[in-house]
Each structure stands twice: as C-alpha cells, then as structure tokens.
Amino acid sequence: MGMLTRPKLVTTSHKRPSSFQVLPVVSTLHTYIHQHVRPLVLHVSFHCNAPLPILPYQESQSKSLLLQPKQNPKTMSRKTMEVVKNLDVQRYMGRWYEIASFPSFFQPKNGVNTRATYNLNDDQTVHVLNETFNDGKRVSIEGTAYKADPKSDEAKLKVKFYLPPFLPIIPVVGNYWVLYIDDDYQYVLVGEPTRKYLWILCRQTYLDDEIYNQLVQKAKDEGYDVSKLHKTQQSDPPPEGDNIPKDRGGWWIKSLFGK
C-alpha cells in the first residue's frame, strides 16, 4: 500500500468562503476518506482478530457501528421457536439413541452408536452421560442439565460440561431445547436458539422413516437448515460392557485440527 497523501486545500483569500466554496472541499474530504481512510480501518479491523477459545457465544455489548455486524434479513424474519411445555422430566429420563444430528466440535466426526443417558439427581438436576464409539474405542463425557428458568413451563434446559476430556477444568454451557416429543416419550427433536445444533433421538436404535421425515419437516419449519443433518450409524444390539477400550480425549485434540 502506498503512502497516503493529505489533500491540499487551496484558498485564494482569507475571507470566509461562501457555502458554494465549502461544498467542493467537503466533497473532496468525503471522497478521500471513502477511498483511503475507510479501507485502511476496515483492513486493520478484519486482520487483527485474535483466535478465541471455544466457549459459548456471548453477544458483544459494543455499540460501534464499525464492529457491529449487519443484521441478516433471513435471521430477522425467523419466527420464535415453539418449545415443548410441561415436559415430564421423570418420563424423559433413561437412554436415548441418536438417529441424526448436526455435526459438532464436541463429538468425533466418525462416531457411531452415539447415545445419551439421563438420570435425575436428588436436587432435580439431571446427570448427563453422552457416549459414542470411534475407531473401536468408547468416547464419553458427563455433564449436568438444569432448567434455564425454573419458573418457566417451557422445556428449555442448560447443559454444563467440562473440557478438555482428558483434563476437564473449563466449563462449557450449552442450550438444550425440546422442540417436539411424542405422547409416549419414544422419539424427540432437540435444538437450541442459534439453530447451529440439532438432534433427533429415539428410545430404539432405529426410527421409522415416516416419523423421521415428520421430525425433519418440523425442524425445517422451525428455521433449521436440515441439509446439514447427518444420520448416525447404530448397531443392533448396541455395544455394551466394560471391556471396550476407552478414548481418553485423543479425538478431541484431532478435532481441533479438523480431523
């Protein structure tokens, strides 16, 4: 980038210029700022962003017009998601098999037989055990779920995990919204407000295609990009037993490098 030269303002007298004389000067300054100063500022702001740790997204409180992203019209037009009300937490407990989901950083890319087991704690929080199997090894992570608003009747939960798996010291909190569940509590659609994550879970390792398509349509109606859904391979019967070797977190390190 060449040196920026300041525009010369030439006046022929010391008399106060008229409004007609001022207008060309203002126009010149506006053109100079638009062509030179503004691109420089944008170049600095877009190339000085340091990498951030993987933590829950928090909306910036800055009111700077330069740093504030433009609103996406599609996002602005989205309707509010419908969430299940008066969820029977006791009936919700137990094991759920993942039929399909959006890929996420906290699960191995090639994981199979993915499942979640929920147990109610004495303090009415929920113990969460997420398991999947990768390269013949069992991968697991434990956490705690609780109602985001104890006074609300909506099934909006928070789930807290600790990372990394081999040294769980960093708390990571995510949203868990129950968008649909059948009357018999046999299959469920789970999402969250940013629409970046989505899960279809079932009590069995398989789900009828007709029901699956209905849940996909429900997700689409709620504004999810269902083209990102990835079906999870499940074996029947599912793997059980303590003799399966455990992955202590190697998959998580690989995921940081996109592997």
Protein backbone atom coordinates (compact mmCIF):
# COMPACT_ATOMS: atom_id res chain seq x y z
CA MET A 1 0.00 0.00 0.00
CA GLY A 2 1.48 3.40 -0.97
CA MET A 3 1.79 6.37 1.35
CA LEU A 4 -1.40 8.27 1.99
CA THR A 5 -1.14 11.91 0.91
CA ARG A 6 -3.19 14.58 2.52
CA PRO A 7 -5.30 16.59 0.04
CA LYS A 8 -4.26 20.23 -0.28
CA LEU A 9 -6.95 22.75 0.38
CA VAL A 10 -6.19 25.85 -1.69
CA THR A 11 -7.87 29.16 -0.95
CA THR A 12 -7.22 32.43 -2.76
CA SER A 13 -8.09 34.77 0.11
CA HIS A 14 -8.57 34.89 3.87
CA LYS A 15 -12.16 35.83 3.50
CA ARG A 16 -14.78 33.46 4.91
CA PRO A 17 -15.75 31.17 1.98
CA SER A 18 -19.31 31.04 0.88
CA SER A 19 -21.39 27.86 1.12
CA PHE A 20 -20.73 27.25 -2.59
CA GLN A 21 -16.97 27.31 -1.94
CA VAL A 22 -17.22 24.93 1.05
CA LEU A 23 -19.17 22.22 -0.77
CA PRO A 24 -16.31 21.13 -3.09
CA VAL A 25 -13.95 20.89 -0.09
CA VAL A 26 -16.40 18.72 1.85
CA SER A 27 -16.91 16.56 -1.22
CA THR A 28 -13.14 16.15 -1.61
CA LEU A 29 -12.72 15.13 2.04
CA HIS A 30 -15.62 12.67 1.77
CA THR A 31 -14.06 11.08 -1.33
CA TYR A 32 -10.62 10.90 0.33
CA ILE A 33 -11.99 9.23 3.48
CA HIS A 34 -14.09 6.77 1.48
CA GLN A 35 -11.21 5.76 -0.82
CA HIS A 36 -8.26 5.77 1.60
CA VAL A 37 -9.03 6.02 5.32
CA ARG A 38 -12.09 3.74 5.47
CA PRO A 39 -10.45 0.80 3.62
CA LEU A 40 -7.41 1.13 5.90
CA VAL A 41 -9.55 0.96 9.04
CA LEU A 42 -11.50 -2.00 7.69
CA HIS A 43 -8.24 -3.75 6.76
CA VAL A 44 -6.96 -3.37 10.33
CA SER A 45 -10.22 -4.44 11.96
CA PHE A 46 -10.56 -7.58 9.80
CA HIS A 47 -6.95 -8.75 10.19
CA CYS A 48 -6.31 -8.07 13.88
CA ASN A 49 -8.87 -10.51 15.30
CA ALA A 50 -7.06 -12.97 17.59
CA PRO A 51 -8.32 -16.58 17.80
CA LEU A 52 -10.85 -17.07 20.60
CA PRO A 53 -11.27 -20.11 22.82
CA ILE A 54 -14.22 -22.42 22.15
CA LEU A 55 -16.75 -21.10 24.63
CA PRO A 56 -20.49 -20.31 24.42
CA TYR A 57 -21.16 -17.32 22.18
CA GLN A 58 -21.99 -14.10 24.00
CA GLU A 59 -23.35 -11.15 22.07
CA SER A 60 -20.99 -8.18 22.15
CA GLN A 61 -22.21 -5.14 24.05
CA SER A 62 -20.22 -2.79 21.82
CA LYS A 63 -22.28 -0.20 20.01
CA SER A 64 -19.56 0.61 17.46
CA LEU A 65 -21.03 0.80 14.00
CA LEU A 66 -17.69 -0.29 12.54
CA LEU A 67 -17.53 -3.55 14.53
CA GLN A 68 -21.24 -4.30 14.68
CA PRO A 69 -22.21 -6.93 12.03
CA LYS A 70 -25.11 -6.28 9.72
CA GLN A 71 -28.37 -8.00 10.53
CA ASN A 72 -29.26 -10.90 8.27
CA PRO A 73 -32.78 -10.32 6.88
CA LYS A 74 -33.43 -14.08 6.92
CA THR A 75 -32.50 -14.25 10.61
CA MET A 76 -34.64 -11.24 11.44
CA SER A 77 -37.66 -12.79 9.76
CA ARG A 78 -37.42 -16.11 11.63
CA LYS A 79 -40.29 -16.88 13.89
CA THR A 80 -39.83 -17.73 17.54
CA MET A 81 -39.22 -21.43 18.01
CA GLU A 82 -42.00 -23.48 19.54
CA VAL A 83 -40.78 -25.38 22.58
CA VAL A 84 -42.49 -28.25 24.40
CA LYS A 85 -44.28 -27.16 27.57
CA ASN A 86 -44.77 -29.10 30.80
CA LEU A 87 -42.22 -31.77 29.95
CA ASP A 88 -42.48 -34.78 32.27
CA VAL A 89 -38.86 -34.92 33.35
CA GLN A 90 -39.24 -38.26 35.10
CA ARG A 91 -40.52 -39.91 31.92
CA TYR A 92 -37.77 -38.24 29.92
CA MET A 93 -35.05 -39.98 31.93
CA GLY A 94 -33.25 -43.04 30.59
CA ARG A 95 -31.35 -43.81 27.41
CA TRP A 96 -31.83 -42.13 24.05
CA TYR A 97 -30.13 -43.18 20.80
CA GLU A 98 -29.02 -40.56 18.32
CA ILE A 99 -30.72 -41.12 14.97
CA ALA A 100 -29.37 -37.97 13.31
CA SER A 101 -27.69 -34.71 14.26
CA PHE A 102 -25.79 -31.68 13.03
CA PRO A 103 -22.01 -32.28 13.22
CA SER A 104 -20.45 -30.56 16.25
CA PHE A 105 -16.98 -29.97 17.67
CA PHE A 106 -17.75 -31.89 20.85
CA GLN A 107 -18.36 -35.22 19.11
CA PRO A 108 -15.96 -37.29 16.95
CA LYS A 109 -16.68 -36.90 13.24
CA ASN A 110 -16.78 -40.64 12.66
CA GLY A 111 -18.62 -41.56 15.85
CA VAL A 112 -21.14 -44.42 15.70
CA ASN A 113 -23.67 -45.84 18.17
CA THR A 114 -23.99 -42.39 19.75
CA ARG A 115 -26.34 -42.26 22.73
CA ALA A 116 -27.28 -40.21 25.78
CA THR A 117 -28.35 -41.44 29.20
CA TYR A 118 -30.17 -39.15 31.63
CA ASN A 119 -30.66 -39.72 35.35
CA LEU A 120 -32.47 -37.43 37.77
CA ASN A 121 -30.36 -36.15 40.66
CA ASP A 122 -31.67 -35.53 44.18
CA ASP A 123 -31.54 -31.75 43.60
CA GLN A 124 -33.75 -32.15 40.50
CA THR A 125 -30.90 -31.51 38.11
CA VAL A 126 -30.13 -34.17 35.51
CA HIS A 127 -26.94 -36.18 35.21
CA VAL A 128 -25.96 -36.45 31.54
CA LEU A 129 -23.79 -39.21 30.07
CA ASN A 130 -23.03 -38.85 26.37
CA GLU A 131 -21.34 -41.79 24.66
CA THR A 132 -20.13 -42.59 21.17
CA PHE A 133 -17.70 -45.07 19.64
CA ASN A 134 -14.80 -44.05 17.45
CA ASP A 135 -12.17 -46.38 15.93
CA GLY A 136 -13.30 -49.18 18.22
CA LYS A 137 -12.97 -47.07 21.36
CA ARG A 138 -15.63 -45.70 23.67
CA VAL A 139 -15.77 -41.92 23.95
CA SER A 140 -17.79 -40.39 26.78
CA ILE A 141 -18.40 -37.09 28.51
CA GLU A 142 -20.51 -36.33 31.57
CA GLY A 143 -22.37 -33.19 32.48
CA THR A 144 -25.32 -31.67 34.29
CA ALA A 145 -28.58 -30.34 32.86
CA TYR A 146 -30.94 -27.93 34.57
CA LYS A 147 -33.84 -25.64 33.68
CA ALA A 148 -32.76 -22.32 32.25
CA ASP A 149 -35.68 -20.63 34.03
CA PRO A 150 -37.09 -22.61 36.97
CA LYS A 151 -40.33 -20.60 36.81
CA SER A 152 -40.99 -21.30 33.13
CA ASP A 153 -43.10 -24.22 31.88
CA GLU A 154 -41.04 -24.46 28.67
CA ALA A 155 -38.56 -27.31 28.15
CA LYS A 156 -35.56 -25.01 27.82
CA LEU A 157 -32.57 -26.52 29.59
CA LYS A 158 -28.92 -25.65 30.09
CA VAL A 159 -26.26 -28.35 29.94
CA LYS A 160 -22.83 -27.86 31.51
CA PHE A 161 -19.80 -29.92 30.53
CA TYR A 162 -16.12 -29.56 31.37
CA LEU A 163 -13.39 -29.61 28.72
CA PRO A 164 -10.99 -30.89 27.58
CA PRO A 165 -11.95 -34.54 28.16
CA PHE A 166 -8.50 -35.51 29.45
CA LEU A 167 -8.38 -32.54 31.88
CA PRO A 168 -11.96 -31.35 32.49
CA ILE A 169 -11.41 -27.93 34.04
CA ILE A 170 -13.04 -25.49 31.57
CA PRO A 171 -16.84 -25.20 31.99
CA VAL A 172 -18.82 -25.04 28.75
CA VAL A 173 -22.56 -24.35 28.92
CA GLY A 174 -24.94 -25.02 26.05
CA ASN A 175 -28.67 -24.81 25.40
CA TYR A 176 -30.94 -27.85 25.12
CA TRP A 177 -34.46 -27.09 23.88
CA VAL A 178 -37.02 -29.85 23.45
CA LEU A 179 -38.87 -28.86 20.27
CA TYR A 180 -41.08 -31.93 19.94
CA ILE A 181 -41.74 -35.19 21.76
CA ASP A 182 -44.41 -37.80 21.12
CA ASP A 183 -47.04 -38.67 23.72
CA ASP A 184 -45.29 -41.94 24.60
CA TYR A 185 -41.87 -40.32 25.00
CA GLN A 186 -40.33 -42.59 22.35
CA TYR A 187 -38.76 -40.03 19.99
CA VAL A 188 -37.78 -36.40 20.37
CA LEU A 189 -36.47 -33.41 18.43
CA VAL A 190 -33.91 -31.31 20.32
CA GLY A 191 -32.48 -27.98 19.21
CA GLU A 192 -31.20 -24.68 20.56
CA PRO A 193 -31.77 -20.98 19.86
CA THR A 194 -28.91 -20.36 17.40
CA ARG A 195 -30.06 -23.27 15.20
CA LYS A 196 -26.45 -24.46 14.89
CA TYR A 197 -27.14 -27.77 16.60
CA LEU A 198 -29.96 -30.27 16.16
CA TRP A 199 -30.62 -33.82 17.34
CA ILE A 200 -33.19 -36.48 16.57
CA LEU A 201 -33.27 -39.05 19.37
CA CYS A 202 -35.16 -42.28 19.86
CA ARG A 203 -35.58 -44.92 22.55
CA GLN A 204 -34.66 -47.56 19.95
CA THR A 205 -31.60 -47.75 17.69
CA TYR A 206 -33.81 -47.15 14.65
CA LEU A 207 -36.71 -44.86 13.74
CA ASP A 208 -39.47 -45.34 11.20
CA ASP A 209 -38.81 -43.33 8.03
CA GLU A 210 -42.21 -41.67 8.12
CA ILE A 211 -41.68 -40.41 11.66
CA TYR A 212 -38.13 -39.36 10.83
CA ASN A 213 -39.35 -37.28 7.88
CA GLN A 214 -42.01 -35.67 10.06
CA LEU A 215 -39.36 -34.61 12.58
CA VAL A 216 -37.16 -33.27 9.78
CA GLN A 217 -40.08 -31.23 8.46
CA LYS A 218 -40.75 -29.93 11.96
CA ALA A 219 -37.12 -28.80 12.22
CA LYS A 220 -37.35 -27.15 8.80
CA ASP A 221 -40.49 -25.31 9.88
CA GLU A 222 -38.57 -24.00 12.89
CA GLY A 223 -35.92 -22.47 10.64
CA TYR A 224 -33.21 -25.17 10.66
CA ASP A 225 -31.09 -25.95 7.62
CA VAL A 226 -31.95 -29.65 7.56
CA SER A 227 -29.47 -30.31 4.73
CA LYS A 228 -26.82 -30.42 7.48
CA LEU A 229 -28.45 -33.40 9.20
CA HIS A 230 -26.17 -36.42 9.35
CA LYS A 231 -27.62 -39.84 10.13
CA THR A 232 -25.84 -41.72 12.90
CA GLN A 233 -24.91 -45.35 12.35
CA GLN A 234 -26.43 -47.58 15.04
CA SER A 235 -25.86 -51.30 15.53
CA ASP A 236 -28.48 -53.64 16.91
CA PRO A 237 -27.87 -54.68 19.60
CA PRO A 238 -25.83 -51.64 20.74
CA PRO A 239 -22.35 -52.17 22.22
CA GLU A 240 -22.31 -52.83 25.96
CA GLY A 241 -19.81 -53.87 28.61
CA ASP A 242 -16.74 -52.51 30.35
CA ASN A 243 -14.32 -54.47 28.18
CA ILE A 244 -14.47 -51.85 25.38
CA PRO A 245 -11.28 -49.72 25.35
CA LYS A 246 -11.76 -46.04 26.22
CA ASP A 247 -10.58 -42.99 24.34
CA ARG A 248 -9.13 -40.52 26.86
CA GLY A 249 -9.50 -37.48 24.62
CA GLY A 250 -7.33 -38.09 21.60
CA TRP A 251 -10.31 -37.50 19.30
CA TRP A 252 -10.81 -34.04 20.81
CA ILE A 253 -7.24 -32.97 20.02
CA LYS A 254 -7.66 -34.22 16.45
CA SER A 255 -10.92 -32.26 16.12
CA LEU A 256 -9.04 -29.02 16.82
CA PHE A 257 -7.07 -29.65 13.63
CA GLY A 258 -10.17 -30.54 11.62
CA LYS A 259 -9.50 -34.27 11.65
